[in-house]
N, C-alpha and C. Protein backbone atom coordinates (compact mmCIF):
# COMPACT_ATOMS: atom_id res chain seq x y z
N MET A 1 97.05 76.95 83.83
CA MET A 1 98.34 76.80 84.46
C MET A 1 98.43 77.71 85.67
N THR A 2 98.82 77.19 86.83
CA THR A 2 98.97 78.00 88.03
C THR A 2 100.44 78.28 88.25
N LEU A 3 100.71 79.21 89.13
CA LEU A 3 102.10 79.51 89.48
C LEU A 3 102.69 78.37 90.29
N PRO A 4 104.00 78.22 90.27
CA PRO A 4 104.62 77.18 91.11
C PRO A 4 104.28 77.41 92.59
N THR A 5 104.27 76.34 93.34
CA THR A 5 103.84 76.43 94.74
C THR A 5 104.75 77.32 95.58
N ASP A 6 106.06 77.37 95.25
CA ASP A 6 106.93 78.24 96.04
C ASP A 6 106.59 79.72 95.81
N ALA A 7 106.18 80.10 94.59
CA ALA A 7 105.76 81.48 94.33
C ALA A 7 104.47 81.79 95.09
N LEU A 8 103.54 80.85 95.07
CA LEU A 8 102.30 81.04 95.83
C LEU A 8 102.59 81.14 97.33
N SER A 9 103.56 80.35 97.80
CA SER A 9 103.93 80.38 99.21
C SER A 9 104.49 81.75 99.60
N TYR A 10 105.33 82.33 98.73
CA TYR A 10 105.88 83.66 99.02
C TYR A 10 104.79 84.72 99.05
N ILE A 11 103.83 84.62 98.15
CA ILE A 11 102.71 85.57 98.15
C ILE A 11 101.91 85.43 99.45
N GLN A 12 101.71 84.17 99.88
CA GLN A 12 100.97 83.92 101.11
C GLN A 12 101.75 84.44 102.32
N GLN A 13 103.07 84.27 102.33
CA GLN A 13 103.88 84.77 103.44
C GLN A 13 103.85 86.30 103.50
N ALA A 14 103.88 86.93 102.34
CA ALA A 14 103.80 88.39 102.31
C ALA A 14 102.46 88.86 102.88
N GLY A 15 101.40 88.16 102.51
CA GLY A 15 100.08 88.49 103.04
C GLY A 15 100.01 88.30 104.55
N GLN A 16 100.64 87.22 105.05
CA GLN A 16 100.66 86.97 106.49
C GLN A 16 101.45 88.05 107.22
N ALA A 17 102.58 88.48 106.61
CA ALA A 17 103.39 89.54 107.22
C ALA A 17 102.59 90.84 107.29
N LEU A 18 101.86 91.16 106.25
CA LEU A 18 101.02 92.36 106.27
C LEU A 18 99.94 92.25 107.34
N HIS A 19 99.35 91.07 107.47
CA HIS A 19 98.32 90.86 108.49
C HIS A 19 98.90 91.05 109.88
N ASP A 20 100.09 90.48 110.12
CA ASP A 20 100.75 90.63 111.43
C ASP A 20 101.06 92.09 111.72
N ALA A 21 101.56 92.81 110.70
CA ALA A 21 101.88 94.23 110.89
C ALA A 21 100.60 95.01 111.20
N ASN A 22 99.53 94.65 110.55
CA ASN A 22 98.25 95.32 110.79
C ASN A 22 97.75 95.05 112.20
N THR A 23 97.96 93.84 112.70
CA THR A 23 97.54 93.49 114.07
C THR A 23 98.33 94.31 115.09
N VAL A 24 99.65 94.41 114.90
CA VAL A 24 100.49 95.20 115.81
C VAL A 24 100.08 96.66 115.75
N LEU A 25 99.81 97.15 114.54
CA LEU A 25 99.41 98.54 114.37
C LEU A 25 98.07 98.81 115.07
N ALA A 26 97.15 97.85 115.02
CA ALA A 26 95.86 98.01 115.69
C ALA A 26 96.04 98.13 117.20
N LYS A 27 96.95 97.32 117.76
CA LYS A 27 97.22 97.41 119.21
C LYS A 27 97.83 98.77 119.55
N THR A 28 98.76 99.24 118.72
CA THR A 28 99.39 100.54 118.95
C THR A 28 98.35 101.65 118.87
N MET A 29 97.44 101.53 117.93
CA MET A 29 96.38 102.54 117.79
C MET A 29 95.49 102.58 119.04
N GLN A 30 95.25 101.40 119.62
CA GLN A 30 94.42 101.34 120.81
C GLN A 30 95.09 102.09 121.97
N VAL A 31 96.41 101.91 122.12
CA VAL A 31 97.15 102.60 123.17
C VAL A 31 97.13 104.11 122.92
N LYS A 32 97.38 104.53 121.67
CA LYS A 32 97.40 105.95 121.33
C LYS A 32 96.01 106.58 121.53
N ARG A 33 94.96 105.81 121.25
CA ARG A 33 93.61 106.31 121.45
C ARG A 33 93.36 106.56 122.93
N ASP A 34 93.80 105.63 123.77
CA ASP A 34 93.62 105.80 125.21
C ASP A 34 94.37 107.02 125.72
N VAL A 35 95.59 107.23 125.20
CA VAL A 35 96.38 108.40 125.61
C VAL A 35 95.69 109.68 125.15
N ALA A 36 95.19 109.68 123.92
CA ALA A 36 94.53 110.87 123.39
C ALA A 36 93.27 111.20 124.20
N LEU A 37 92.53 110.17 124.60
CA LEU A 37 91.32 110.41 125.38
C LEU A 37 91.64 110.89 126.79
N ALA A 38 92.74 110.39 127.35
CA ALA A 38 93.11 110.78 128.71
C ALA A 38 93.60 112.23 128.75
N ASN A 39 94.20 112.69 127.66
CA ASN A 39 94.77 114.04 127.63
C ASN A 39 94.07 114.92 126.60
N VAL A 40 92.77 114.89 126.58
CA VAL A 40 91.99 115.59 125.55
C VAL A 40 92.30 117.08 125.53
N LEU A 41 92.38 117.71 126.65
CA LEU A 41 92.51 119.16 126.71
C LEU A 41 93.95 119.65 126.77
N SER A 42 94.92 118.79 126.81
CA SER A 42 96.32 119.23 126.91
C SER A 42 97.01 119.15 125.55
N ASP A 43 98.25 119.69 125.51
CA ASP A 43 99.04 119.62 124.28
C ASP A 43 99.41 118.18 123.95
N ASP A 44 99.62 117.35 124.96
CA ASP A 44 99.96 115.94 124.73
C ASP A 44 98.80 115.23 124.04
N GLY A 45 97.58 115.63 124.34
CA GLY A 45 96.41 115.03 123.72
C GLY A 45 96.34 115.35 122.23
N GLU A 46 96.72 116.57 121.87
CA GLU A 46 96.72 116.95 120.45
C GLU A 46 97.78 116.18 119.68
N VAL A 47 98.96 116.03 120.27
CA VAL A 47 100.03 115.26 119.64
C VAL A 47 99.61 113.80 119.49
N ALA A 48 99.00 113.25 120.56
CA ALA A 48 98.53 111.87 120.52
C ALA A 48 97.43 111.70 119.46
N TYR A 49 96.58 112.72 119.31
CA TYR A 49 95.51 112.65 118.32
C TYR A 49 96.08 112.65 116.90
N ARG A 50 97.06 113.51 116.64
CA ARG A 50 97.71 113.53 115.32
C ARG A 50 98.40 112.21 115.03
N SER A 51 99.04 111.67 116.04
CA SER A 51 99.70 110.37 115.89
C SER A 51 98.67 109.28 115.58
N LEU A 52 97.53 109.37 116.26
CA LEU A 52 96.45 108.41 116.02
C LEU A 52 95.91 108.52 114.59
N GLN A 53 95.77 109.74 114.08
CA GLN A 53 95.32 109.93 112.70
C GLN A 53 96.30 109.29 111.72
N PHE A 54 97.58 109.51 111.95
CA PHE A 54 98.62 108.94 111.08
C PHE A 54 98.56 107.42 111.10
N LEU A 55 98.42 106.85 112.28
CA LEU A 55 98.36 105.39 112.41
C LEU A 55 97.10 104.83 111.73
N ALA A 56 96.00 105.57 111.81
CA ALA A 56 94.77 105.12 111.16
C ALA A 56 94.94 105.09 109.65
N LYS A 57 95.62 106.08 109.10
CA LYS A 57 95.88 106.10 107.67
C LYS A 57 96.77 104.93 107.27
N LEU A 58 97.81 104.66 108.05
CA LEU A 58 98.67 103.51 107.79
C LEU A 58 97.88 102.21 107.85
N ASN A 59 96.98 102.12 108.82
CA ASN A 59 96.15 100.94 108.97
C ASN A 59 95.31 100.71 107.72
N GLN A 60 94.71 101.77 107.20
CA GLN A 60 93.90 101.64 105.99
C GLN A 60 94.75 101.18 104.80
N GLU A 61 95.95 101.73 104.68
CA GLU A 61 96.83 101.34 103.57
C GLU A 61 97.27 99.89 103.69
N LEU A 62 97.57 99.46 104.90
CA LEU A 62 97.94 98.06 105.10
C LEU A 62 96.78 97.12 104.77
N GLU A 63 95.58 97.49 105.18
CA GLU A 63 94.42 96.66 104.85
C GLU A 63 94.20 96.58 103.34
N SER A 64 94.41 97.69 102.65
CA SER A 64 94.27 97.71 101.20
C SER A 64 95.31 96.81 100.54
N MET A 65 96.55 96.89 101.02
CA MET A 65 97.62 96.04 100.47
C MET A 65 97.33 94.56 100.74
N GLU A 66 96.82 94.28 101.93
CA GLU A 66 96.50 92.90 102.28
C GLU A 66 95.40 92.35 101.36
N GLU A 67 94.40 93.18 101.08
CA GLU A 67 93.31 92.76 100.19
C GLU A 67 93.84 92.52 98.77
N LYS A 68 94.74 93.38 98.31
CA LYS A 68 95.31 93.18 96.98
C LYS A 68 96.14 91.91 96.91
N LEU A 69 96.86 91.60 97.97
CA LEU A 69 97.63 90.35 97.99
C LEU A 69 96.71 89.14 98.00
N ARG A 70 95.57 89.23 98.72
CA ARG A 70 94.60 88.13 98.69
C ARG A 70 94.09 87.90 97.27
N GLU A 71 93.76 88.99 96.59
CA GLU A 71 93.27 88.90 95.22
C GLU A 71 94.36 88.35 94.30
N LEU A 72 95.59 88.80 94.48
CA LEU A 72 96.72 88.30 93.68
C LEU A 72 96.91 86.81 93.90
N TYR A 73 96.85 86.37 95.15
CA TYR A 73 97.01 84.95 95.46
C TYR A 73 95.91 84.12 94.81
N TRP A 74 94.68 84.62 94.90
CA TRP A 74 93.56 83.88 94.33
C TRP A 74 93.70 83.78 92.82
N ASN A 75 94.04 84.92 92.17
CA ASN A 75 94.21 84.91 90.71
C ASN A 75 95.36 84.01 90.28
N ALA A 76 96.45 84.02 91.05
CA ALA A 76 97.62 83.22 90.69
C ALA A 76 97.37 81.73 90.89
N SER A 77 96.45 81.38 91.77
CA SER A 77 96.20 79.97 92.03
C SER A 77 95.13 79.37 91.12
N GLN A 78 94.48 80.22 90.32
CA GLN A 78 93.43 79.73 89.41
C GLN A 78 94.05 79.20 88.13
N PRO A 79 93.45 78.19 87.53
CA PRO A 79 93.92 77.72 86.23
C PRO A 79 93.73 78.80 85.18
N ALA A 80 94.60 78.80 84.18
CA ALA A 80 94.56 79.83 83.13
C ALA A 80 93.25 79.82 82.37
N SER A 81 92.58 78.68 82.27
CA SER A 81 91.33 78.61 81.53
C SER A 81 90.22 79.41 82.21
N ASN A 82 90.34 79.66 83.52
CA ASN A 82 89.32 80.42 84.24
C ASN A 82 89.60 81.92 84.21
N MET A 83 90.78 82.31 83.78
CA MET A 83 91.16 83.72 83.78
C MET A 83 90.51 84.41 82.59
N PRO A 84 90.08 85.66 82.75
CA PRO A 84 89.51 86.38 81.62
C PRO A 84 90.58 86.69 80.59
N LEU A 85 90.19 86.68 79.35
CA LEU A 85 91.12 86.92 78.25
C LEU A 85 90.76 88.24 77.60
N PHE A 86 91.72 89.10 77.44
CA PHE A 86 91.47 90.38 76.80
C PHE A 86 92.36 90.49 75.58
N VAL A 87 91.77 90.83 74.47
CA VAL A 87 92.50 91.00 73.23
C VAL A 87 92.84 92.47 73.10
N THR A 88 94.00 92.77 72.56
CA THR A 88 94.45 94.15 72.56
C THR A 88 93.77 95.04 71.53
N SER A 89 93.22 94.50 70.47
CA SER A 89 92.58 95.38 69.50
C SER A 89 91.41 94.69 68.82
N LYS A 90 90.52 95.51 68.28
CA LYS A 90 89.38 94.97 67.56
C LYS A 90 89.83 94.29 66.28
N ARG A 91 90.92 94.79 65.71
CA ARG A 91 91.43 94.20 64.48
C ARG A 91 91.79 92.73 64.71
N GLU A 92 92.36 92.43 65.89
CA GLU A 92 92.71 91.04 66.19
C GLU A 92 91.47 90.17 66.35
N ILE A 93 90.41 90.75 66.89
CA ILE A 93 89.18 89.99 67.04
C ILE A 93 88.61 89.64 65.67
N ARG A 94 88.63 90.63 64.76
CA ARG A 94 88.05 90.42 63.44
C ARG A 94 88.91 89.51 62.56
N SER A 95 90.19 89.47 62.83
CA SER A 95 91.11 88.72 61.98
C SER A 95 90.91 87.22 62.17
N LYS A 96 90.58 86.53 61.09
CA LYS A 96 90.38 85.09 61.17
C LYS A 96 91.71 84.39 61.45
N LYS A 97 92.81 84.94 60.94
CA LYS A 97 94.12 84.34 61.18
C LYS A 97 94.40 84.24 62.67
N THR A 98 94.21 85.34 63.37
CA THR A 98 94.51 85.38 64.80
C THR A 98 93.63 84.40 65.56
N LEU A 99 92.36 84.35 65.20
CA LEU A 99 91.47 83.47 65.93
C LEU A 99 91.76 81.99 65.65
N THR A 100 92.25 81.67 64.47
CA THR A 100 92.53 80.27 64.17
C THR A 100 93.88 79.82 64.69
N LYS A 101 94.80 80.75 64.98
CA LYS A 101 96.10 80.36 65.50
C LYS A 101 96.03 79.91 66.95
N GLY A 102 94.99 80.28 67.64
CA GLY A 102 94.83 79.85 69.02
C GLY A 102 95.21 80.93 70.01
N VAL A 103 95.12 80.56 71.27
CA VAL A 103 95.32 81.50 72.36
C VAL A 103 96.75 82.03 72.39
N ALA A 104 97.72 81.22 71.98
CA ALA A 104 99.12 81.63 72.06
C ALA A 104 99.41 82.84 71.20
N SER A 105 98.69 83.03 70.11
CA SER A 105 98.98 84.15 69.23
C SER A 105 98.31 85.45 69.65
N LEU A 106 97.34 85.37 70.57
CA LEU A 106 96.65 86.57 71.00
C LEU A 106 97.50 87.36 71.98
N ALA A 107 97.44 88.65 71.86
CA ALA A 107 98.11 89.50 72.84
C ALA A 107 97.19 89.57 74.05
N VAL A 108 97.63 89.02 75.18
CA VAL A 108 96.77 88.90 76.35
C VAL A 108 97.33 89.78 77.45
N SER A 109 96.43 90.42 78.17
CA SER A 109 96.86 91.20 79.32
C SER A 109 95.80 91.04 80.40
N GLY A 110 96.10 91.52 81.59
CA GLY A 110 95.17 91.39 82.70
C GLY A 110 94.18 92.53 82.77
N THR A 111 94.32 93.52 81.89
CA THR A 111 93.40 94.64 81.91
C THR A 111 92.74 94.79 80.55
N PRO A 112 91.58 95.39 80.50
CA PRO A 112 90.92 95.58 79.21
C PRO A 112 91.76 96.49 78.32
N PRO A 113 91.59 96.37 77.02
CA PRO A 113 92.37 97.21 76.11
C PRO A 113 91.96 98.67 76.21
N ILE A 114 92.89 99.54 75.90
CA ILE A 114 92.62 100.97 75.89
C ILE A 114 91.92 101.28 74.58
N ARG A 115 90.79 101.93 74.66
CA ARG A 115 90.05 102.24 73.45
C ARG A 115 90.59 103.52 72.84
N MET A 116 90.83 103.47 71.57
CA MET A 116 91.25 104.65 70.84
C MET A 116 90.00 105.45 70.49
N PRO A 117 90.07 106.76 70.57
CA PRO A 117 88.89 107.55 70.22
C PRO A 117 88.57 107.39 68.74
N ARG A 118 87.28 107.37 68.46
CA ARG A 118 86.86 107.25 67.07
C ARG A 118 87.17 108.52 66.31
N ARG A 119 87.51 108.34 65.06
CA ARG A 119 87.70 109.51 64.21
C ARG A 119 86.33 110.10 63.91
N LYS A 120 86.24 111.40 64.04
CA LYS A 120 84.98 112.04 63.75
C LYS A 120 84.84 112.20 62.24
N LYS A 121 83.63 111.93 61.77
CA LYS A 121 83.35 112.13 60.35
C LYS A 121 83.33 113.62 60.08
N ILE A 122 83.86 113.99 58.94
CA ILE A 122 83.74 115.37 58.51
C ILE A 122 82.36 115.50 57.89
N LEU A 123 81.56 116.37 58.51
CA LEU A 123 80.18 116.51 58.06
C LEU A 123 80.11 117.34 56.78
N THR A 124 79.37 116.82 55.85
CA THR A 124 79.01 117.55 54.64
C THR A 124 77.50 117.45 54.49
N ARG A 125 76.97 118.24 53.62
CA ARG A 125 75.53 118.21 53.39
C ARG A 125 75.07 116.82 52.93
N GLU A 126 75.93 116.12 52.19
CA GLU A 126 75.58 114.82 51.64
C GLU A 126 75.50 113.72 52.71
N ASN A 127 76.36 113.78 53.73
CA ASN A 127 76.34 112.69 54.72
C ASN A 127 75.55 113.03 55.99
N LEU A 128 74.72 114.08 55.92
CA LEU A 128 73.82 114.37 57.04
C LEU A 128 72.71 113.34 57.08
N SER A 129 72.15 113.09 58.26
CA SER A 129 71.00 112.19 58.39
C SER A 129 69.77 112.85 57.78
N LYS A 130 68.73 112.05 57.59
CA LYS A 130 67.49 112.59 56.99
C LYS A 130 66.92 113.73 57.82
N ASN A 131 66.87 113.52 59.15
CA ASN A 131 66.32 114.56 60.01
C ASN A 131 67.17 115.83 59.98
N SER A 132 68.48 115.66 59.95
CA SER A 132 69.36 116.83 59.91
C SER A 132 69.18 117.58 58.60
N LYS A 133 69.00 116.86 57.50
CA LYS A 133 68.76 117.52 56.20
C LYS A 133 67.44 118.29 56.24
N LYS A 134 66.42 117.70 56.87
CA LYS A 134 65.13 118.38 56.97
C LYS A 134 65.26 119.67 57.79
N VAL A 135 66.02 119.59 58.90
CA VAL A 135 66.22 120.78 59.74
C VAL A 135 66.98 121.83 58.96
N LEU A 136 68.03 121.42 58.24
CA LEU A 136 68.81 122.37 57.45
C LEU A 136 67.96 123.02 56.37
N ASP A 137 67.16 122.22 55.66
CA ASP A 137 66.29 122.78 54.62
C ASP A 137 65.29 123.78 55.20
N PHE A 138 64.70 123.42 56.35
CA PHE A 138 63.74 124.32 56.99
C PHE A 138 64.41 125.63 57.40
N LEU A 139 65.58 125.54 58.03
CA LEU A 139 66.26 126.75 58.49
C LEU A 139 66.72 127.61 57.32
N GLU A 140 67.21 126.99 56.27
CA GLU A 140 67.65 127.77 55.11
C GLU A 140 66.48 128.50 54.45
N SER A 141 65.31 127.87 54.47
CA SER A 141 64.14 128.53 53.87
C SER A 141 63.54 129.59 54.79
N SER A 142 63.80 129.51 56.08
CA SER A 142 63.18 130.42 57.05
C SER A 142 64.09 131.54 57.53
N LEU A 143 65.39 131.40 57.36
CA LEU A 143 66.33 132.38 57.93
C LEU A 143 66.89 133.29 56.86
N SER A 144 67.46 134.39 57.32
CA SER A 144 68.15 135.31 56.40
C SER A 144 69.61 135.42 56.84
N LYS A 145 70.43 135.98 55.96
CA LYS A 145 71.85 136.15 56.28
C LYS A 145 72.09 137.40 57.12
N ASP A 146 71.13 138.33 57.10
CA ASP A 146 71.34 139.63 57.71
C ASP A 146 71.06 139.67 59.21
N GLU A 147 69.95 139.07 59.62
CA GLU A 147 69.58 139.18 61.03
C GLU A 147 69.17 137.83 61.61
N PHE A 148 69.30 137.75 62.93
CA PHE A 148 68.96 136.52 63.63
C PHE A 148 67.45 136.39 63.78
N THR A 149 66.97 135.16 63.71
CA THR A 149 65.56 134.86 63.90
C THR A 149 65.44 133.85 65.02
N ALA A 150 64.48 134.07 65.93
CA ALA A 150 64.30 133.18 67.07
C ALA A 150 63.38 132.02 66.70
N PHE A 151 63.80 130.81 67.08
CA PHE A 151 62.99 129.60 66.89
C PHE A 151 63.09 128.76 68.15
N THR A 152 61.96 128.21 68.57
CA THR A 152 62.00 127.22 69.65
C THR A 152 62.26 125.86 69.00
N LEU A 153 62.64 124.90 69.82
CA LEU A 153 62.88 123.56 69.29
C LEU A 153 61.61 122.95 68.71
N HIS A 154 60.48 123.26 69.34
CA HIS A 154 59.20 122.74 68.83
C HIS A 154 58.85 123.38 67.49
N ALA A 155 59.15 124.65 67.33
CA ALA A 155 58.89 125.31 66.05
C ALA A 155 59.74 124.70 64.95
N ILE A 156 60.99 124.38 65.26
CA ILE A 156 61.87 123.74 64.28
C ILE A 156 61.35 122.35 63.96
N ALA A 157 60.91 121.61 64.99
CA ALA A 157 60.38 120.27 64.78
C ALA A 157 59.14 120.32 63.88
N ASP A 158 58.23 121.27 64.14
CA ASP A 158 57.02 121.38 63.33
C ASP A 158 57.36 121.79 61.90
N GLY A 159 58.26 122.77 61.76
CA GLY A 159 58.62 123.26 60.43
C GLY A 159 59.36 122.22 59.60
N ALA A 160 60.21 121.42 60.25
CA ALA A 160 61.00 120.41 59.53
C ALA A 160 60.24 119.10 59.39
N GLY A 161 59.20 118.93 60.18
CA GLY A 161 58.41 117.70 60.10
C GLY A 161 59.12 116.50 60.72
N ILE A 162 59.82 116.73 61.82
CA ILE A 162 60.51 115.63 62.52
C ILE A 162 60.04 115.60 63.97
N PRO A 163 60.28 114.49 64.69
CA PRO A 163 59.89 114.43 66.10
C PRO A 163 60.67 115.45 66.94
N PRO A 164 60.03 116.07 67.91
CA PRO A 164 60.71 117.07 68.75
C PRO A 164 61.97 116.53 69.45
N GLY A 165 61.99 115.26 69.80
CA GLY A 165 63.15 114.69 70.46
C GLY A 165 64.38 114.59 69.57
N SER A 166 64.17 114.65 68.27
CA SER A 166 65.29 114.54 67.32
C SER A 166 65.93 115.88 67.00
N VAL A 167 65.28 116.97 67.39
CA VAL A 167 65.74 118.30 67.01
C VAL A 167 67.12 118.65 67.60
N PRO A 168 67.37 118.45 68.91
CA PRO A 168 68.67 118.89 69.43
C PRO A 168 69.86 118.25 68.72
N GLU A 169 69.81 116.95 68.48
CA GLU A 169 70.92 116.28 67.82
C GLU A 169 71.04 116.74 66.37
N SER A 170 69.92 116.82 65.67
CA SER A 170 69.94 117.27 64.28
C SER A 170 70.43 118.70 64.18
N LEU A 171 69.98 119.55 65.09
CA LEU A 171 70.40 120.95 65.09
C LEU A 171 71.90 121.07 65.37
N ALA A 172 72.41 120.25 66.28
CA ALA A 172 73.84 120.27 66.59
C ALA A 172 74.65 119.89 65.35
N ARG A 173 74.18 118.91 64.59
CA ARG A 173 74.88 118.53 63.36
C ARG A 173 74.85 119.66 62.33
N VAL A 174 73.69 120.29 62.20
CA VAL A 174 73.56 121.39 61.24
C VAL A 174 74.48 122.54 61.64
N LEU A 175 74.52 122.85 62.92
CA LEU A 175 75.39 123.94 63.39
C LEU A 175 76.86 123.60 63.20
N SER A 176 77.24 122.32 63.41
CA SER A 176 78.64 121.94 63.21
C SER A 176 79.03 121.96 61.74
N LEU A 177 78.04 121.89 60.87
CA LEU A 177 78.28 121.98 59.43
C LEU A 177 78.74 123.39 59.07
N GLY A 178 78.26 124.38 59.81
CA GLY A 178 78.71 125.75 59.61
C GLY A 178 77.85 126.59 58.70
N SER A 179 76.79 126.06 58.16
CA SER A 179 75.95 126.85 57.26
C SER A 179 74.92 127.69 58.02
N VAL A 180 74.69 127.35 59.29
CA VAL A 180 73.79 128.11 60.15
C VAL A 180 74.57 128.46 61.42
N VAL A 181 74.41 129.68 61.92
CA VAL A 181 75.11 130.10 63.14
C VAL A 181 74.09 130.50 64.21
N VAL A 182 74.54 130.40 65.46
CA VAL A 182 73.70 130.75 66.61
C VAL A 182 74.10 132.13 67.09
N GLY A 183 73.09 132.96 67.35
CA GLY A 183 73.36 134.29 67.88
C GLY A 183 73.23 134.28 69.38
N GLY A 184 72.02 134.22 69.85
CA GLY A 184 71.73 134.14 71.27
C GLY A 184 70.99 132.85 71.50
N ARG A 185 70.31 132.78 72.60
CA ARG A 185 69.56 131.56 72.91
C ARG A 185 68.38 131.41 71.94
N GLY A 186 68.45 130.35 71.13
CA GLY A 186 67.38 130.08 70.18
C GLY A 186 67.30 131.01 68.99
N GLN A 187 68.39 131.74 68.71
CA GLN A 187 68.41 132.68 67.59
C GLN A 187 69.42 132.19 66.56
N TYR A 188 68.97 132.13 65.31
CA TYR A 188 69.80 131.55 64.25
C TYR A 188 69.77 132.46 63.03
N LYS A 189 70.83 132.34 62.20
CA LYS A 189 70.85 132.99 60.90
C LYS A 189 71.75 132.20 59.97
N ILE A 190 71.61 132.42 58.68
CA ILE A 190 72.43 131.76 57.68
C ILE A 190 73.84 132.33 57.76
N ALA A 191 74.85 131.48 57.68
CA ALA A 191 76.25 131.93 57.75
C ALA A 191 76.65 132.64 56.48
């Protein structure tokens, strides 16, 4: 479904008015540029230059508005079947009821839905990954509660028996668990 032709006509007229204003502004900028160049070293030249900067900024804003109106006109003139459809939540996508009721029941907007941040899992020893458990077991067997011990990531990887690339993520999970603490760079001890 497209917008009525009179609405499209008004959008087109607004775009034409912006284009005309931009054309007049371009001519004015040309005159101000000539004045600024003629009076480069005088106070009038500085005033003309500031005026020219202001007009250039207005010109950019008018061009931006004109482009947005072109896009609005194009989108408004397209049939609804060609328009992208955005559903407001994942729950609606998963719901068979919503999908079977048809397009009318979906909450549709012109912008993608705002994603809610995922809830972070509360880490416990039981829900750690295999590599994280291996790192935790290695550190608990190698560290003391009294003093910090230095380990490189490769030493942890060798001791835990996991790939070196997996150590930073696994170590971060172990540290967020709170059973191991960091002292300085690469220094750890049991909490």
